[in-house]
Amino acid sequence: MRGRVKYNSTTGFLDLLFNGWLIYVMMFMISFILIVPERNEANIKTKAEFVLTLTWDDGSKDDVDIWVEDPMGNLVYYKDKEKGITHLDRDDLGLTNDKTVGPDGEIITYKHNQEIVTIRGFMAGEWVINIHMYNKRDPTPTNVEVKIIKLNPTAETVFVKKLVMEIYWEEITIARLRMSRTGKILSISETPPKHIIESTRSGNVQTYSDGTVGGL
């Protein structure tokens, strides 16, 4: 009886291996497609058109405030943090509110002094940006910086002002900004100064429109 001839072939094994590799690649691609949108969503987009920042010396005990008046006459400041399309994100009191207690009882100090105002849209007309030395606790002069940043389509600093404040209750007009209805900055000027903290004087005491009393 003639013996059987055996044929050895790896074709089936190679087909199986190729199909398995193809399935792996397809699953990897599908997983990558699902992951990418989540990574894109992590790029948080702020719903604002302009950001105004007021910063002063780190660790300073002084309390400097930013005041913003929009073309409608709405005032945003520490007692009225949201009016129209303007919002004060933080009222920084200097070293007073720069400390917090952690879960282990440790005192955490954040010495950077900064107030931030966001403008969430466009409003044609004049915007007035003032700063006010609400409380002068440090015996030395205070270095202050104000920035106006236009966010869209890309972040661009359109105005920077650095100055020194030494006087308690001092109010300084930083910028009188004229904006178009499309958000274009038509002009920025510091003069003439405009006092938006209205006052009446009685002796050496000054009473402001928000009810605050300060010395002269």
N, C-alpha and C. Protein backbone atom coordinates (compact mmCIF):
# COMPACT_ATOMS: atom_id res chain seq x y z
N MET A 1 0.86 -1.18 0.00
CA MET A 1 0.00 0.00 0.00
C MET A 1 0.89 1.22 0.00
N ARG A 2 0.59 2.06 -0.95
CA ARG A 2 1.40 3.26 -1.08
C ARG A 2 1.16 4.18 0.11
N GLY A 3 2.22 4.74 0.73
CA GLY A 3 2.08 5.62 1.91
C GLY A 3 1.46 6.97 1.56
N ARG A 4 0.78 7.57 2.55
CA ARG A 4 0.16 8.87 2.35
C ARG A 4 1.20 9.97 2.37
N VAL A 5 1.00 10.93 1.50
CA VAL A 5 1.90 12.07 1.42
C VAL A 5 1.30 13.22 2.23
N LYS A 6 2.06 13.73 3.20
CA LYS A 6 1.58 14.83 4.07
C LYS A 6 2.06 16.16 3.52
N TYR A 7 1.14 17.11 3.44
CA TYR A 7 1.47 18.46 2.98
C TYR A 7 1.39 19.43 4.18
N ASN A 8 2.45 20.12 4.44
CA ASN A 8 2.48 21.11 5.53
C ASN A 8 2.37 22.50 4.93
N SER A 9 1.41 23.28 5.40
CA SER A 9 1.23 24.63 4.87
C SER A 9 0.96 25.60 6.04
N THR A 10 1.57 26.80 5.96
CA THR A 10 1.38 27.83 7.01
C THR A 10 0.40 28.90 6.56
N THR A 11 -0.24 28.70 5.42
CA THR A 11 -1.13 29.74 4.88
C THR A 11 -2.26 30.08 5.84
N GLY A 12 -2.89 29.08 6.40
CA GLY A 12 -4.00 29.32 7.32
C GLY A 12 -3.55 30.09 8.55
N PHE A 13 -2.37 29.72 9.07
CA PHE A 13 -1.85 30.41 10.25
C PHE A 13 -1.56 31.88 9.95
N LEU A 14 -0.97 32.13 8.77
CA LEU A 14 -0.64 33.51 8.40
C LEU A 14 -1.90 34.35 8.22
N ASP A 15 -2.94 33.72 7.61
CA ASP A 15 -4.21 34.44 7.45
C ASP A 15 -4.79 34.82 8.81
N LEU A 16 -4.74 33.87 9.75
CA LEU A 16 -5.26 34.12 11.08
C LEU A 16 -4.47 35.23 11.77
N LEU A 17 -3.15 35.17 11.61
CA LEU A 17 -2.31 36.18 12.24
C LEU A 17 -2.56 37.57 11.64
N PHE A 18 -2.71 37.64 10.34
CA PHE A 18 -2.95 38.92 9.67
C PHE A 18 -4.30 39.50 10.08
N ASN A 19 -5.32 38.65 10.13
CA ASN A 19 -6.66 39.13 10.51
C ASN A 19 -6.67 39.64 11.96
N GLY A 20 -5.95 38.91 12.84
CA GLY A 20 -5.86 39.35 14.22
C GLY A 20 -5.17 40.70 14.34
N TRP A 21 -4.10 40.87 13.58
CA TRP A 21 -3.37 42.15 13.59
C TRP A 21 -4.24 43.28 13.06
N LEU A 22 -5.03 42.98 12.00
CA LEU A 22 -5.91 43.98 11.41
C LEU A 22 -6.98 44.42 12.41
N ILE A 23 -7.54 43.44 13.14
CA ILE A 23 -8.56 43.77 14.14
C ILE A 23 -7.95 44.64 15.24
N TYR A 24 -6.73 44.33 15.65
CA TYR A 24 -6.05 45.11 16.69
C TYR A 24 -5.85 46.56 16.25
N VAL A 25 -5.40 46.73 14.99
CA VAL A 25 -5.17 48.07 14.46
C VAL A 25 -6.47 48.86 14.40
N MET A 26 -7.54 48.23 13.97
CA MET A 26 -8.83 48.90 13.87
C MET A 26 -9.34 49.31 15.25
N MET A 27 -9.17 48.42 16.23
CA MET A 27 -9.61 48.77 17.58
C MET A 27 -8.79 49.92 18.15
N PHE A 28 -7.48 49.94 17.84
CA PHE A 28 -6.62 51.03 18.30
C PHE A 28 -7.06 52.36 17.68
N MET A 29 -7.37 52.35 16.39
CA MET A 29 -7.79 53.57 15.70
C MET A 29 -9.11 54.08 16.27
N ILE A 30 -10.04 53.16 16.54
CA ILE A 30 -11.33 53.56 17.09
C ILE A 30 -11.14 54.17 18.47
N SER A 31 -10.27 53.56 19.29
CA SER A 31 -10.00 54.08 20.63
C SER A 31 -9.38 55.47 20.56
N PHE A 32 -8.46 55.68 19.61
CA PHE A 32 -7.80 56.97 19.46
C PHE A 32 -8.80 58.05 19.05
N ILE A 33 -9.72 57.70 18.14
CA ILE A 33 -10.74 58.65 17.70
C ILE A 33 -11.64 59.07 18.87
N LEU A 34 -11.93 58.11 19.75
CA LEU A 34 -12.78 58.41 20.90
C LEU A 34 -12.06 59.26 21.93
N ILE A 35 -10.74 59.10 22.02
CA ILE A 35 -9.96 59.83 23.02
C ILE A 35 -9.73 61.27 22.60
N VAL A 36 -9.49 61.55 21.33
CA VAL A 36 -9.13 62.88 20.85
C VAL A 36 -10.13 63.96 21.23
N PRO A 37 -11.47 63.75 21.05
CA PRO A 37 -12.41 64.80 21.43
C PRO A 37 -12.31 65.18 22.91
N GLU A 38 -12.04 64.18 23.78
CA GLU A 38 -11.93 64.47 25.19
C GLU A 38 -10.74 65.38 25.45
N ARG A 39 -9.64 65.14 24.72
CA ARG A 39 -8.47 65.99 24.89
C ARG A 39 -8.74 67.40 24.40
N ASN A 40 -9.51 67.51 23.33
CA ASN A 40 -9.84 68.84 22.82
C ASN A 40 -10.73 69.60 23.79
N GLU A 41 -11.66 68.87 24.44
CA GLU A 41 -12.56 69.51 25.38
C GLU A 41 -11.81 70.04 26.59
N ALA A 42 -10.62 69.48 26.85
CA ALA A 42 -9.84 69.93 28.00
C ALA A 42 -9.28 71.32 27.79
N ASN A 43 -9.22 71.78 26.55
CA ASN A 43 -8.76 73.14 26.29
C ASN A 43 -9.91 74.10 26.57
N ILE A 44 -10.01 74.55 27.81
CA ILE A 44 -11.14 75.36 28.25
C ILE A 44 -11.11 76.72 27.57
N LYS A 45 -12.23 77.10 27.00
CA LYS A 45 -12.33 78.40 26.34
C LYS A 45 -13.13 79.35 27.23
N THR A 46 -12.53 80.45 27.58
CA THR A 46 -13.23 81.43 28.41
C THR A 46 -14.25 82.20 27.59
N LYS A 47 -15.41 82.45 28.18
CA LYS A 47 -16.48 83.18 27.51
C LYS A 47 -16.31 84.67 27.78
N ALA A 48 -15.20 85.22 27.35
CA ALA A 48 -14.94 86.64 27.55
C ALA A 48 -14.22 87.19 26.33
N GLU A 49 -14.32 88.50 26.17
CA GLU A 49 -13.65 89.16 25.06
C GLU A 49 -12.43 89.95 25.54
N PHE A 50 -12.52 90.52 26.76
CA PHE A 50 -11.42 91.28 27.33
C PHE A 50 -11.20 90.85 28.78
N VAL A 51 -9.95 90.89 29.20
CA VAL A 51 -9.59 90.66 30.59
C VAL A 51 -8.78 91.86 31.07
N LEU A 52 -9.17 92.43 32.21
CA LEU A 52 -8.43 93.52 32.84
C LEU A 52 -7.80 92.97 34.11
N THR A 53 -6.51 93.16 34.27
CA THR A 53 -5.84 92.68 35.47
C THR A 53 -5.20 93.84 36.23
N LEU A 54 -5.36 93.83 37.52
CA LEU A 54 -4.72 94.78 38.43
C LEU A 54 -3.84 93.97 39.37
N THR A 55 -2.54 94.22 39.36
CA THR A 55 -1.63 93.53 40.27
C THR A 55 -0.80 94.56 41.04
N TRP A 56 -0.42 94.18 42.25
CA TRP A 56 0.49 95.03 43.03
C TRP A 56 1.43 94.13 43.82
N ASP A 57 2.35 94.73 44.56
CA ASP A 57 3.46 94.01 45.17
C ASP A 57 3.03 92.74 45.90
N ASP A 58 3.74 91.63 45.60
CA ASP A 58 3.47 90.38 46.31
C ASP A 58 3.70 90.56 47.81
N GLY A 59 2.79 90.04 48.61
CA GLY A 59 2.91 90.12 50.05
C GLY A 59 2.52 91.46 50.64
N SER A 60 2.07 92.39 49.81
CA SER A 60 1.69 93.71 50.31
C SER A 60 0.41 93.61 51.15
N LYS A 61 0.36 94.43 52.19
CA LYS A 61 -0.83 94.51 53.03
C LYS A 61 -1.86 95.49 52.47
N ASP A 62 -1.46 96.27 51.47
CA ASP A 62 -2.36 97.28 50.90
C ASP A 62 -3.54 96.63 50.19
N ASP A 63 -4.64 97.33 50.19
CA ASP A 63 -5.86 96.88 49.48
C ASP A 63 -6.13 97.86 48.34
N VAL A 64 -5.82 97.44 47.13
CA VAL A 64 -6.05 98.27 45.94
C VAL A 64 -7.23 97.68 45.18
N ASP A 65 -8.14 98.54 44.73
CA ASP A 65 -9.34 98.09 44.03
C ASP A 65 -9.35 98.59 42.59
N ILE A 66 -9.99 97.80 41.72
CA ILE A 66 -10.24 98.24 40.35
C ILE A 66 -11.72 98.54 40.19
N TRP A 67 -12.00 99.65 39.53
CA TRP A 67 -13.38 100.07 39.24
C TRP A 67 -13.51 100.20 37.73
N VAL A 68 -14.61 99.70 37.18
CA VAL A 68 -14.86 99.79 35.74
C VAL A 68 -16.26 100.35 35.50
N GLU A 69 -16.32 101.37 34.66
CA GLU A 69 -17.60 101.96 34.27
C GLU A 69 -17.82 101.70 32.79
N ASP A 70 -18.95 101.09 32.43
CA ASP A 70 -19.22 100.83 31.01
C ASP A 70 -19.93 102.03 30.37
N PRO A 71 -20.16 102.01 29.06
CA PRO A 71 -20.79 103.16 28.38
C PRO A 71 -22.20 103.48 28.87
N MET A 72 -22.85 102.52 29.54
CA MET A 72 -24.19 102.76 30.08
C MET A 72 -24.16 103.38 31.48
N GLY A 73 -22.95 103.54 32.01
CA GLY A 73 -22.84 104.10 33.36
C GLY A 73 -22.86 103.05 34.45
N ASN A 74 -22.90 101.76 34.10
CA ASN A 74 -22.86 100.69 35.10
C ASN A 74 -21.48 100.63 35.73
N LEU A 75 -21.43 100.52 37.05
CA LEU A 75 -20.16 100.43 37.77
C LEU A 75 -19.97 99.03 38.33
N VAL A 76 -18.78 98.46 38.07
CA VAL A 76 -18.41 97.18 38.65
C VAL A 76 -17.23 97.42 39.58
N TYR A 77 -17.37 96.97 40.82
CA TYR A 77 -16.31 97.13 41.83
C TYR A 77 -16.59 96.11 42.93
N TYR A 78 -15.90 96.23 44.07
CA TYR A 78 -15.94 95.19 45.09
C TYR A 78 -17.32 94.95 45.69
N LYS A 79 -18.19 95.97 45.68
CA LYS A 79 -19.53 95.79 46.25
C LYS A 79 -20.58 95.41 45.22
N ASP A 80 -20.26 95.59 43.97
CA ASP A 80 -21.20 95.25 42.89
C ASP A 80 -20.38 94.57 41.79
N LYS A 81 -20.20 93.27 41.92
CA LYS A 81 -19.21 92.55 41.12
C LYS A 81 -19.69 92.17 39.72
N GLU A 82 -20.96 92.36 39.42
CA GLU A 82 -21.45 92.00 38.09
C GLU A 82 -22.53 92.97 37.65
N LYS A 83 -22.27 93.63 36.53
CA LYS A 83 -23.24 94.55 35.94
C LYS A 83 -23.11 94.46 34.42
N GLY A 84 -24.23 94.29 33.74
CA GLY A 84 -24.20 94.22 32.29
C GLY A 84 -23.32 93.06 31.82
N ILE A 85 -22.29 93.38 31.05
CA ILE A 85 -21.41 92.34 30.52
C ILE A 85 -20.04 92.34 31.21
N THR A 86 -19.98 92.98 32.38
CA THR A 86 -18.71 93.09 33.11
C THR A 86 -18.79 92.35 34.44
N HIS A 87 -17.69 91.69 34.80
CA HIS A 87 -17.69 90.88 36.02
C HIS A 87 -16.33 90.98 36.72
N LEU A 88 -16.36 91.25 38.04
CA LEU A 88 -15.16 91.23 38.87
C LEU A 88 -15.01 89.82 39.44
N ASP A 89 -13.93 89.14 39.05
CA ASP A 89 -13.75 87.75 39.47
C ASP A 89 -13.26 87.62 40.91
N ARG A 90 -12.42 88.55 41.36
CA ARG A 90 -11.87 88.45 42.72
C ARG A 90 -11.60 89.83 43.29
N ASP A 91 -12.05 90.03 44.52
CA ASP A 91 -11.72 91.23 45.27
C ASP A 91 -10.56 90.88 46.20
N ASP A 92 -9.35 91.24 45.80
CA ASP A 92 -8.16 90.91 46.57
C ASP A 92 -7.94 92.01 47.62
N LEU A 93 -7.85 91.60 48.88
CA LEU A 93 -7.70 92.55 49.98
C LEU A 93 -6.25 92.71 50.42
N GLY A 94 -5.33 92.28 49.59
CA GLY A 94 -3.94 92.28 50.01
C GLY A 94 -3.67 91.06 50.85
N LEU A 95 -2.79 91.18 51.83
CA LEU A 95 -2.41 90.03 52.65
C LEU A 95 -3.59 89.50 53.48
N THR A 96 -4.62 90.33 53.66
CA THR A 96 -5.75 89.96 54.52
C THR A 96 -6.43 88.68 54.08
N ASN A 97 -6.69 88.52 52.77
CA ASN A 97 -7.36 87.30 52.30
C ASN A 97 -6.43 86.43 51.46
N ASP A 98 -5.13 86.50 51.74
CA ASP A 98 -4.16 85.67 51.03
C ASP A 98 -3.78 84.42 51.81
N LYS A 99 -4.48 84.17 52.92
CA LYS A 99 -4.17 83.00 53.74
C LYS A 99 -5.40 82.11 53.87
N THR A 100 -5.15 80.80 53.87
CA THR A 100 -6.22 79.83 54.09
C THR A 100 -5.64 78.67 54.89
N VAL A 101 -6.51 77.91 55.53
CA VAL A 101 -6.07 76.78 56.35
C VAL A 101 -6.32 75.48 55.60
N GLY A 102 -5.29 74.66 55.45
CA GLY A 102 -5.39 73.38 54.77
C GLY A 102 -6.05 72.34 55.64
N PRO A 103 -6.33 71.13 55.09
CA PRO A 103 -7.01 70.06 55.84
C PRO A 103 -6.21 69.58 57.05
N ASP A 104 -4.88 69.78 57.02
CA ASP A 104 -4.05 69.35 58.14
C ASP A 104 -3.80 70.47 59.15
N GLY A 105 -4.49 71.60 58.94
CA GLY A 105 -4.34 72.72 59.84
C GLY A 105 -3.21 73.66 59.48
N GLU A 106 -2.48 73.33 58.43
CA GLU A 106 -1.37 74.18 58.00
C GLU A 106 -1.91 75.44 57.31
N ILE A 107 -1.30 76.57 57.62
CA ILE A 107 -1.70 77.83 57.00
C ILE A 107 -1.00 77.97 55.65
N ILE A 108 -1.80 78.12 54.60
CA ILE A 108 -1.28 78.27 53.24
C ILE A 108 -1.38 79.74 52.85
N THR A 109 -0.27 80.32 52.44
CA THR A 109 -0.24 81.73 52.06
C THR A 109 0.02 81.88 50.58
N TYR A 110 -0.83 82.65 49.92
CA TYR A 110 -0.66 82.98 48.50
C TYR A 110 -0.42 84.48 48.42
N LYS A 111 0.83 84.88 48.18
CA LYS A 111 1.22 86.26 48.32
C LYS A 111 0.95 87.13 47.10
N HIS A 112 0.53 86.52 45.99
CA HIS A 112 0.32 87.30 44.77
C HIS A 112 -0.98 88.09 44.87
N ASN A 113 -0.89 89.41 44.71
CA ASN A 113 -2.07 90.28 44.79
C ASN A 113 -2.57 90.62 43.39
N GLN A 114 -3.79 90.24 43.10
CA GLN A 114 -4.33 90.48 41.76
C GLN A 114 -5.86 90.51 41.78
N GLU A 115 -6.40 91.50 41.08
CA GLU A 115 -7.84 91.53 40.81
C GLU A 115 -8.03 91.37 39.31
N ILE A 116 -9.08 90.65 38.93
CA ILE A 116 -9.33 90.36 37.52
C ILE A 116 -10.77 90.74 37.17
N VAL A 117 -10.92 91.50 36.10
CA VAL A 117 -12.24 91.85 35.58
C VAL A 117 -12.36 91.29 34.16
N THR A 118 -13.48 90.65 33.85
CA THR A 118 -13.73 90.16 32.50
C THR A 118 -14.88 90.95 31.87
N ILE A 119 -14.72 91.24 30.59
CA ILE A 119 -15.78 91.86 29.79
C ILE A 119 -16.22 90.81 28.78
N ARG A 120 -17.47 90.37 28.86
CA ARG A 120 -17.91 89.18 28.14
C ARG A 120 -18.51 89.47 26.76
N GLY A 121 -18.47 90.72 26.34
CA GLY A 121 -19.02 91.05 25.04
C GLY A 121 -18.52 92.41 24.60
N PHE A 122 -19.20 92.99 23.61
CA PHE A 122 -18.82 94.30 23.08
C PHE A 122 -19.93 95.31 23.38
N MET A 123 -19.53 96.50 23.75
CA MET A 123 -20.47 97.59 23.95
C MET A 123 -19.80 98.87 23.47
N ALA A 124 -20.42 99.50 22.46
CA ALA A 124 -19.83 100.70 21.88
C ALA A 124 -19.89 101.87 22.85
N GLY A 125 -18.83 102.67 22.84
CA GLY A 125 -18.79 103.85 23.69
C GLY A 125 -17.54 103.86 24.55
N GLU A 126 -17.57 104.68 25.59
CA GLU A 126 -16.39 104.85 26.43
C GLU A 126 -16.45 104.00 27.69
N TRP A 127 -15.36 103.30 27.93
CA TRP A 127 -15.17 102.53 29.15
C TRP A 127 -14.14 103.26 30.01
N VAL A 128 -14.42 103.40 31.30
CA VAL A 128 -13.49 104.07 32.21
C VAL A 128 -12.96 103.04 33.20
N ILE A 129 -11.63 102.98 33.32
CA ILE A 129 -10.99 102.03 34.23
C ILE A 129 -10.19 102.84 35.26
N ASN A 130 -10.59 102.74 36.51
CA ASN A 130 -9.92 103.46 37.60
C ASN A 130 -9.38 102.47 38.62
N ILE A 131 -8.35 102.89 39.35
CA ILE A 131 -7.89 102.12 40.49
C ILE A 131 -7.97 103.01 41.73
N HIS A 132 -8.14 102.35 42.88
CA HIS A 132 -8.44 103.08 44.11
C HIS A 132 -7.68 102.43 45.27
N MET A 133 -6.91 103.24 46.00
CA MET A 133 -6.21 102.74 47.18
C MET A 133 -7.17 102.73 48.35
N TYR A 134 -7.88 101.62 48.50
CA TYR A 134 -8.91 101.52 49.53
C TYR A 134 -8.31 101.52 50.93
N ASN A 135 -7.17 100.86 51.07
CA ASN A 135 -6.53 100.83 52.38
C ASN A 135 -5.01 100.78 52.20
N LYS A 136 -4.32 101.79 52.75
CA LYS A 136 -2.86 101.87 52.64
C LYS A 136 -2.25 101.44 53.97
N ARG A 137 -1.80 100.20 54.05
CA ARG A 137 -1.25 99.67 55.29
C ARG A 137 0.28 99.67 55.29
N ASP A 138 0.89 99.50 54.13
CA ASP A 138 2.35 99.48 54.05
C ASP A 138 2.91 100.89 54.13
N PRO A 139 4.00 101.09 54.84
CA PRO A 139 4.61 102.42 54.94
C PRO A 139 5.35 102.83 53.68
N THR A 140 5.65 101.86 52.82
CA THR A 140 6.40 102.14 51.59
C THR A 140 5.45 102.30 50.41
N PRO A 141 5.89 102.95 49.32
CA PRO A 141 5.06 103.08 48.12
C PRO A 141 4.70 101.71 47.53
N THR A 142 3.59 101.67 46.83
CA THR A 142 3.09 100.42 46.26
C THR A 142 3.21 100.45 44.74
N ASN A 143 3.86 99.43 44.20
CA ASN A 143 4.00 99.31 42.74
C ASN A 143 2.78 98.60 42.17
N VAL A 144 2.12 99.25 41.22
CA VAL A 144 0.86 98.76 40.66
C VAL A 144 1.00 98.60 39.15
N GLU A 145 0.36 97.58 38.61
CA GLU A 145 0.35 97.38 37.16
C GLU A 145 -1.05 97.00 36.70
N VAL A 146 -1.52 97.64 35.63
CA VAL A 146 -2.82 97.33 35.04
C VAL A 146 -2.61 96.92 33.59
N LYS A 147 -3.25 95.82 33.19
CA LYS A 147 -3.18 95.34 31.81
C LYS A 147 -4.59 95.19 31.25
N ILE A 148 -4.72 95.47 29.96
CA ILE A 148 -5.95 95.18 29.22
C ILE A 148 -5.57 94.18 28.14
N ILE A 149 -6.21 93.02 28.17
CA ILE A 149 -5.89 91.94 27.23
C ILE A 149 -7.13 91.63 26.40
N LYS A 150 -6.98 91.69 25.08
CA LYS A 150 -8.04 91.29 24.16
C LYS A 150 -7.84 89.81 23.84
N LEU A 151 -8.87 88.99 24.04
CA LEU A 151 -8.69 87.55 23.98
C LEU A 151 -8.87 86.94 22.60
N ASN A 152 -9.74 87.50 21.80
CA ASN A 152 -10.09 86.84 20.53
C ASN A 152 -9.72 87.69 19.31
N PRO A 153 -9.26 87.06 18.24
CA PRO A 153 -9.14 85.61 18.04
C PRO A 153 -7.95 85.00 18.76
N THR A 154 -6.94 85.81 19.10
CA THR A 154 -5.83 85.36 19.92
C THR A 154 -5.57 86.40 21.00
N ALA A 155 -5.00 85.95 22.11
CA ALA A 155 -4.75 86.86 23.23
C ALA A 155 -3.71 87.91 22.84
N GLU A 156 -4.06 89.17 23.09
CA GLU A 156 -3.17 90.28 22.74
C GLU A 156 -3.29 91.36 23.81
N THR A 157 -2.15 91.74 24.39
CA THR A 157 -2.14 92.82 25.37
C THR A 157 -2.20 94.15 24.64
N VAL A 158 -3.28 94.89 24.86
CA VAL A 158 -3.47 96.15 24.13
C VAL A 158 -3.11 97.37 24.96
N PHE A 159 -2.89 97.16 26.27
CA PHE A 159 -2.57 98.31 27.13
C PHE A 159 -1.88 97.80 28.39
N VAL A 160 -0.80 98.50 28.78
CA VAL A 160 -0.11 98.21 30.03
C VAL A 160 0.23 99.54 30.70
N LYS A 161 -0.05 99.64 31.99
CA LYS A 161 0.27 100.85 32.73
C LYS A 161 0.88 100.45 34.07
N LYS A 162 2.09 100.98 34.34
CA LYS A 162 2.74 100.77 35.63
C LYS A 162 2.84 102.10 36.36
N LEU A 163 2.56 102.09 37.65
CA LEU A 163 2.62 103.32 38.42
C LEU A 163 2.87 103.01 39.88
N VAL A 164 3.10 104.04 40.65
CA VAL A 164 3.35 103.91 42.09
C VAL A 164 2.25 104.67 42.83
N MET A 165 1.68 104.02 43.85
CA MET A 165 0.65 104.65 44.67
C MET A 165 1.17 104.79 46.10
N GLU A 166 0.98 105.97 46.69
CA GLU A 166 1.49 106.23 48.03
C GLU A 166 0.42 106.79 48.97
N ILE A 167 -0.70 107.23 48.41
CA ILE A 167 -1.68 107.99 49.19
C ILE A 167 -2.93 107.15 49.47
N TYR A 168 -3.32 107.13 50.74
CA TYR A 168 -4.57 106.47 51.12
C TYR A 168 -5.76 107.13 50.45
N TRP A 169 -6.66 106.31 49.91
CA TRP A 169 -7.91 106.71 49.26
C TRP A 169 -7.67 107.38 47.90
N GLU A 170 -6.48 107.25 47.37
CA GLU A 170 -6.17 107.84 46.06
C GLU A 170 -6.93 107.11 44.96
N GLU A 171 -7.49 107.89 44.04
CA GLU A 171 -8.20 107.35 42.87
C GLU A 171 -7.52 107.84 41.61
N ILE A 172 -7.17 106.91 40.73
CA ILE A 172 -6.45 107.25 39.51
C ILE A 172 -7.18 106.68 38.30
N THR A 173 -7.40 107.53 37.29
CA THR A 173 -7.96 107.05 36.03
C THR A 173 -6.83 106.44 35.22
N ILE A 174 -6.93 105.13 35.00
CA ILE A 174 -5.90 104.39 34.26
C ILE A 174 -6.14 104.50 32.77
N ALA A 175 -7.38 104.36 32.35
CA ALA A 175 -7.67 104.39 30.91
C ALA A 175 -9.11 104.80 30.66
N ARG A 176 -9.29 105.64 29.65
CA ARG A 176 -10.61 105.93 29.09
C ARG A 176 -10.58 105.34 27.69
N LEU A 177 -11.23 104.21 27.56
CA LEU A 177 -11.13 103.37 26.37
C LEU A 177 -12.40 103.51 25.53
N ARG A 178 -12.22 103.81 24.26
CA ARG A 178 -13.37 103.89 23.35
C ARG A 178 -13.41 102.62 22.49
N MET A 179 -14.56 101.95 22.54
CA MET A 179 -14.75 100.67 21.86
C MET A 179 -15.84 100.79 20.81
N SER A 180 -15.65 100.11 19.68
CA SER A 180 -16.70 100.06 18.65
C SER A 180 -17.67 98.93 18.99
N ARG A 181 -18.77 98.86 18.28
CA ARG A 181 -19.76 97.81 18.56
C ARG A 181 -19.27 96.43 18.14
N THR A 182 -18.16 96.37 17.39
CA THR A 182 -17.57 95.08 17.01
C THR A 182 -16.37 94.72 17.89
N GLY A 183 -16.09 95.55 18.89
CA GLY A 183 -15.01 95.24 19.81
C GLY A 183 -13.68 95.86 19.45
N LYS A 184 -13.64 96.65 18.40
CA LYS A 184 -12.37 97.29 18.02
C LYS A 184 -12.06 98.44 18.98
N ILE A 185 -10.80 98.50 19.42
CA ILE A 185 -10.38 99.59 20.30
C ILE A 185 -10.05 100.80 19.44
N LEU A 186 -10.85 101.84 19.57
CA LEU A 186 -10.68 103.03 18.76
C LEU A 186 -9.64 103.98 19.35
N SER A 187 -9.60 104.08 20.67
CA SER A 187 -8.62 104.94 21.32
C SER A 187 -8.52 104.59 22.79
N ILE A 188 -7.35 104.88 23.38
CA ILE A 188 -7.14 104.72 24.82
C ILE A 188 -6.42 105.96 25.32
N SER A 189 -6.99 106.60 26.32
CA SER A 189 -6.39 107.81 26.87
C SER A 189 -6.52 107.80 28.38
N GLU A 190 -5.60 108.46 29.05
CA GLU A 190 -5.65 108.57 30.51
C GLU A 190 -6.22 109.92 30.94
N THR A 191 -6.44 110.80 29.99
CA THR A 191 -6.91 112.15 30.32
C THR A 191 -8.17 112.48 29.53
N PRO A 192 -8.99 113.37 30.06
CA PRO A 192 -8.90 113.89 31.43
C PRO A 192 -9.33 112.82 32.43
N PRO A 193 -8.80 112.88 33.66
CA PRO A 193 -9.21 111.88 34.66
C PRO A 193 -10.70 112.01 34.98
N LYS A 194 -11.33 110.89 35.26
CA LYS A 194 -12.74 110.89 35.61
C LYS A 194 -12.92 110.16 36.94
N HIS A 195 -13.43 110.86 37.93
CA HIS A 195 -13.66 110.25 39.23
C HIS A 195 -15.02 109.55 39.22
N ILE A 196 -14.98 108.23 39.29
CA ILE A 196 -16.23 107.47 39.29
C ILE A 196 -16.63 107.06 40.71
N ILE A 197 -15.75 107.33 41.68
CA ILE A 197 -16.13 107.21 43.09
C ILE A 197 -16.54 108.61 43.52
N GLU A 198 -17.82 108.91 43.35
CA GLU A 198 -18.31 110.25 43.62
C GLU A 198 -18.14 110.58 45.09
N SER A 199 -17.91 111.86 45.40
CA SER A 199 -17.64 112.22 46.79
C SER A 199 -18.26 113.55 47.17
N THR A 200 -18.53 113.68 48.46
CA THR A 200 -18.89 114.97 49.06
C THR A 200 -17.97 115.15 50.25
N ARG A 201 -17.47 116.34 50.45
CA ARG A 201 -16.50 116.55 51.52
C ARG A 201 -17.13 117.30 52.70
N SER A 202 -16.74 116.85 53.88
CA SER A 202 -17.18 117.52 55.10
C SER A 202 -15.99 117.54 56.05
N GLY A 203 -15.35 118.70 56.17
CA GLY A 203 -14.15 118.79 56.99
C GLY A 203 -13.04 117.98 56.38
N ASN A 204 -12.45 117.08 57.17
CA ASN A 204 -11.39 116.23 56.65
C ASN A 204 -11.88 114.82 56.37
N VAL A 205 -13.20 114.68 56.23
CA VAL A 205 -13.79 113.38 55.94
C VAL A 205 -14.43 113.41 54.57
N GLN A 206 -14.25 112.32 53.80
CA GLN A 206 -14.81 112.24 52.47
C GLN A 206 -15.79 111.09 52.41
N THR A 207 -17.04 111.37 52.07
CA THR A 207 -18.07 110.34 51.97
C THR A 207 -18.35 110.06 50.51
N TYR A 208 -18.24 108.80 50.12
CA TYR A 208 -18.39 108.40 48.72
C TYR A 208 -19.79 107.85 48.47
N SER A 209 -20.11 107.75 47.18
CA SER A 209 -21.48 107.39 46.78
C SER A 209 -21.88 106.00 47.25
N ASP A 210 -20.91 105.11 47.52
CA ASP A 210 -21.26 103.78 47.99
C ASP A 210 -21.40 103.72 49.51
N GLY A 211 -21.29 104.88 50.17
CA GLY A 211 -21.43 104.92 51.62
C GLY A 211 -20.14 104.81 52.39
N THR A 212 -19.04 104.55 51.68
CA THR A 212 -17.74 104.41 52.33
C THR A 212 -17.23 105.77 52.77
N VAL A 213 -16.59 105.82 53.92
CA VAL A 213 -16.04 107.06 54.44
C VAL A 213 -14.53 106.93 54.52
N GLY A 214 -13.82 107.94 54.05
CA GLY A 214 -12.37 107.91 54.09
C GLY A 214 -11.82 109.27 54.46
N GLY A 215 -10.59 109.26 54.96
CA GLY A 215 -9.95 110.51 55.33
C GLY A 215 -9.25 111.13 54.15
N LEU A 216 -8.99 112.43 54.21
CA LEU A 216 -8.31 113.14 53.14
C LEU A 216 -6.87 113.44 53.55
